[in-house]
Amino acid sequence: MLRIVPFGTIGDAASTARLTSLYDSRALAWLTKRTGAPAVTSDGTGLVPGYFVVLDDGSSPQVTAWRATPRSSRRLRPGDVVTARVERWTRA
C-alpha cells in the first residue's frame, strides 16, 4: 500500500459537531457499525466521508486507487502489505 488520500470534505465547524453527534447516536448506529464514522478533519471544520487507498501490485508501472470506507482504511499505513477484496465500482 503506497498512500491513503482523503476524498471530499463536507460541512463546517457547526455542522461537523452536529453530524459527529448524529453518527454517535443510536439512529445511525447501523451505518457507523458497517462503514465507520467519517473522520473529522484536523482543524475540526469538516468530515471526510472516505479515502482513496493507492495500491501497487507490482504487475505494471501503473498504480491504482481504490475507494475505501473510514473503517476499512483506519488501520492502514503506507508500506503495509495488504490483501484487498474490491469491486468494479470501488475503482477510482
C-alpha atoms as a PDB file:
ATOM      1  CA  MET A   1       0.000   0.000   0.000  1.00  0.00           C
ATOM      2  CA  LEU A   2       1.512   3.278  -1.081  1.00  0.00           C
ATOM      3  CA  ARG A   3      -0.733   6.034   0.170  1.00  0.00           C
ATOM      4  CA  ILE A   4      -4.076   6.924   1.757  1.00  0.00           C
ATOM      5  CA  VAL A   5      -5.721  10.066   0.393  1.00  0.00           C
ATOM      6  CA  PRO A   6      -8.931  11.552   1.844  1.00  0.00           C
ATOM      7  CA  PHE A   7     -11.634  12.382  -0.690  1.00  0.00           C
ATOM      8  CA  GLY A   8     -14.248  15.001  -0.211  1.00  0.00           C
ATOM      9  CA  THR A   9     -14.755  17.165   2.828  1.00  0.00           C
ATOM     10  CA  ILE A  10     -18.251  18.099   3.868  1.00  0.00           C
ATOM     11  CA  GLY A  11     -19.565  20.628   6.342  1.00  0.00           C
ATOM     12  CA  ASP A  12     -18.258  23.416   8.507  1.00  0.00           C
ATOM     13  CA  ALA A  13     -17.429  23.537  12.218  1.00  0.00           C
ATOM     14  CA  ALA A  14     -21.062  23.759  13.382  1.00  0.00           C
ATOM     15  CA  SER A  15     -22.415  21.064  11.075  1.00  0.00           C
ATOM     16  CA  THR A  16     -19.397  18.858  11.843  1.00  0.00           C
ATOM     17  CA  ALA A  17     -20.275  18.946  15.536  1.00  0.00           C
ATOM     18  CA  ARG A  18     -23.917  18.094  14.773  1.00  0.00           C
ATOM     19  CA  LEU A  19     -23.045  15.302  12.333  1.00  0.00           C
ATOM     20  CA  THR A  20     -20.464  13.832  14.703  1.00  0.00           C
ATOM     21  CA  SER A  21     -23.066  13.574  17.454  1.00  0.00           C
ATOM     22  CA  LEU A  22     -25.534  12.089  14.947  1.00  0.00           C
ATOM     23  CA  TYR A  23     -23.041   9.402  13.902  1.00  0.00           C
ATOM     24  CA  ASP A  24     -22.531   8.601  17.589  1.00  0.00           C
ATOM     25  CA  SER A  25     -26.291   8.292  18.165  1.00  0.00           C
ATOM     26  CA  ARG A  26     -28.463   5.178  18.111  1.00  0.00           C
ATOM     27  CA  ALA A  27     -30.183   6.459  14.950  1.00  0.00           C
ATOM     28  CA  LEU A  28     -27.107   5.829  12.812  1.00  0.00           C
ATOM     29  CA  ALA A  29     -25.520   3.021  14.832  1.00  0.00           C
ATOM     30  CA  TRP A  30     -26.122   0.578  11.957  1.00  0.00           C
ATOM     31  CA  LEU A  31     -24.274   2.821   9.477  1.00  0.00           C
ATOM     32  CA  THR A  32     -21.385   3.545  11.823  1.00  0.00           C
ATOM     33  CA  LYS A  33     -21.034  -0.162  12.554  1.00  0.00           C
ATOM     34  CA  ARG A  34     -20.965  -1.003   8.856  1.00  0.00           C
ATOM     35  CA  THR A  35     -18.702   1.722   7.467  1.00  0.00           C
ATOM     36  CA  GLY A  36     -17.209   3.528  10.440  1.00  0.00           C
ATOM     37  CA  ALA A  37     -17.896   7.147  11.277  1.00  0.00           C
ATOM     38  CA  PRO A  38     -16.433   9.737   8.923  1.00  0.00           C
ATOM     39  CA  ALA A  39     -13.155  11.148  10.145  1.00  0.00           C
ATOM     40  CA  VAL A  40     -13.055  14.752  11.317  1.00  0.00           C
ATOM     41  CA  THR A  41     -10.534  16.986   9.563  1.00  0.00           C
ATOM     42  CA  SER A  42      -7.524  18.032  11.634  1.00  0.00           C
ATOM     43  CA  ASP A  43      -8.902  21.548  12.099  1.00  0.00           C
ATOM     44  CA  GLY A  44     -12.365  20.261  13.092  1.00  0.00           C
ATOM     45  CA  THR A  45     -14.167  22.089  10.311  1.00  0.00           C
ATOM     46  CA  GLY A  46     -15.380  19.166   8.222  1.00  0.00           C
ATOM     47  CA  LEU A  47     -15.917  15.459   7.842  1.00  0.00           C
ATOM     48  CA  VAL A  48     -14.018  13.172   5.484  1.00  0.00           C
ATOM     49  CA  PRO A  49     -16.503  10.553   4.232  1.00  0.00           C
ATOM     50  CA  GLY A  50     -13.941   8.171   2.769  1.00  0.00           C
ATOM     51  CA  TYR A  51     -10.493   7.598   1.360  1.00  0.00           C
ATOM     52  CA  PHE A  52      -8.652   6.511  -1.723  1.00  0.00           C
ATOM     53  CA  VAL A  53      -6.153   3.758  -0.976  1.00  0.00           C
ATOM     54  CA  VAL A  54      -3.363   3.671  -3.562  1.00  0.00           C
ATOM     55  CA  LEU A  55      -2.133   0.141  -4.222  1.00  0.00           C
ATOM     56  CA  ASP A  56       0.749  -1.184  -6.291  1.00  0.00           C
ATOM     57  CA  ASP A  57       0.557  -4.878  -7.098  1.00  0.00           C
ATOM     58  CA  GLY A  58       3.891  -4.827  -8.913  1.00  0.00           C
ATOM     59  CA  SER A  59       2.469  -6.157 -12.170  1.00  0.00           C
ATOM     60  CA  SER A  60       2.774  -2.910 -14.153  1.00  0.00           C
ATOM     61  CA  PRO A  61       4.252   0.585 -13.889  1.00  0.00           C
ATOM     62  CA  GLN A  62       0.789   1.976 -13.075  1.00  0.00           C
ATOM     63  CA  VAL A  63      -0.758   2.121  -9.620  1.00  0.00           C
ATOM     64  CA  THR A  64      -4.458   2.014  -8.852  1.00  0.00           C
ATOM     65  CA  ALA A  65      -6.509   3.998  -6.347  1.00  0.00           C
ATOM     66  CA  TRP A  66      -9.479   2.280  -4.724  1.00  0.00           C
ATOM     67  CA  ARG A  67     -12.237   3.867  -2.647  1.00  0.00           C
ATOM     68  CA  ALA A  68     -12.316   2.759   0.973  1.00  0.00           C
ATOM     69  CA  THR A  69     -14.527   3.499   3.941  1.00  0.00           C
ATOM     70  CA  PRO A  70     -13.130   5.100   7.093  1.00  0.00           C
ATOM     71  CA  ARG A  71     -13.453   1.753   8.885  1.00  0.00           C
ATOM     72  CA  SER A  72     -11.543  -0.263   6.290  1.00  0.00           C
ATOM     73  CA  SER A  73      -8.748   2.286   5.988  1.00  0.00           C
ATOM     74  CA  ARG A  74      -8.375   3.155   9.689  1.00  0.00           C
ATOM     75  CA  ARG A  75      -5.504   0.777  10.436  1.00  0.00           C
ATOM     76  CA  LEU A  76      -3.630   1.135   7.132  1.00  0.00           C
ATOM     77  CA  ARG A  77      -0.258   2.841   6.881  1.00  0.00           C
ATOM     78  CA  PRO A  78       1.926   3.462   3.823  1.00  0.00           C
ATOM     79  CA  GLY A  79       4.205   0.487   3.283  1.00  0.00           C
ATOM     80  CA  ASP A  80       1.739  -2.076   4.627  1.00  0.00           C
ATOM     81  CA  VAL A  81       1.344  -5.265   2.626  1.00  0.00           C
ATOM     82  CA  VAL A  82      -2.384  -5.779   2.132  1.00  0.00           C
ATOM     83  CA  THR A  83      -4.816  -8.147   0.501  1.00  0.00           C
ATOM     84  CA  ALA A  84      -7.780  -6.283  -0.955  1.00  0.00           C
ATOM     85  CA  ARG A  85     -11.193  -7.538  -1.920  1.00  0.00           C
ATOM     86  CA  VAL A  86     -12.534  -4.970  -4.338  1.00  0.00           C
ATOM     87  CA  GLU A  87     -15.484  -4.419  -6.621  1.00  0.00           C
ATOM     88  CA  ARG A  88     -15.541  -2.734 -10.023  1.00  0.00           C
ATOM     89  CA  TRP A  89     -17.424   0.277  -8.582  1.00  0.00           C
ATOM     90  CA  THR A  90     -14.754   0.938  -5.926  1.00  0.00           C
ATOM     91  CA  ARG A  91     -12.071   1.686  -8.511  1.00  0.00           C
ATOM     92  CA  ALA A  92     -11.099   5.308  -8.974  1.00  0.00           C
END
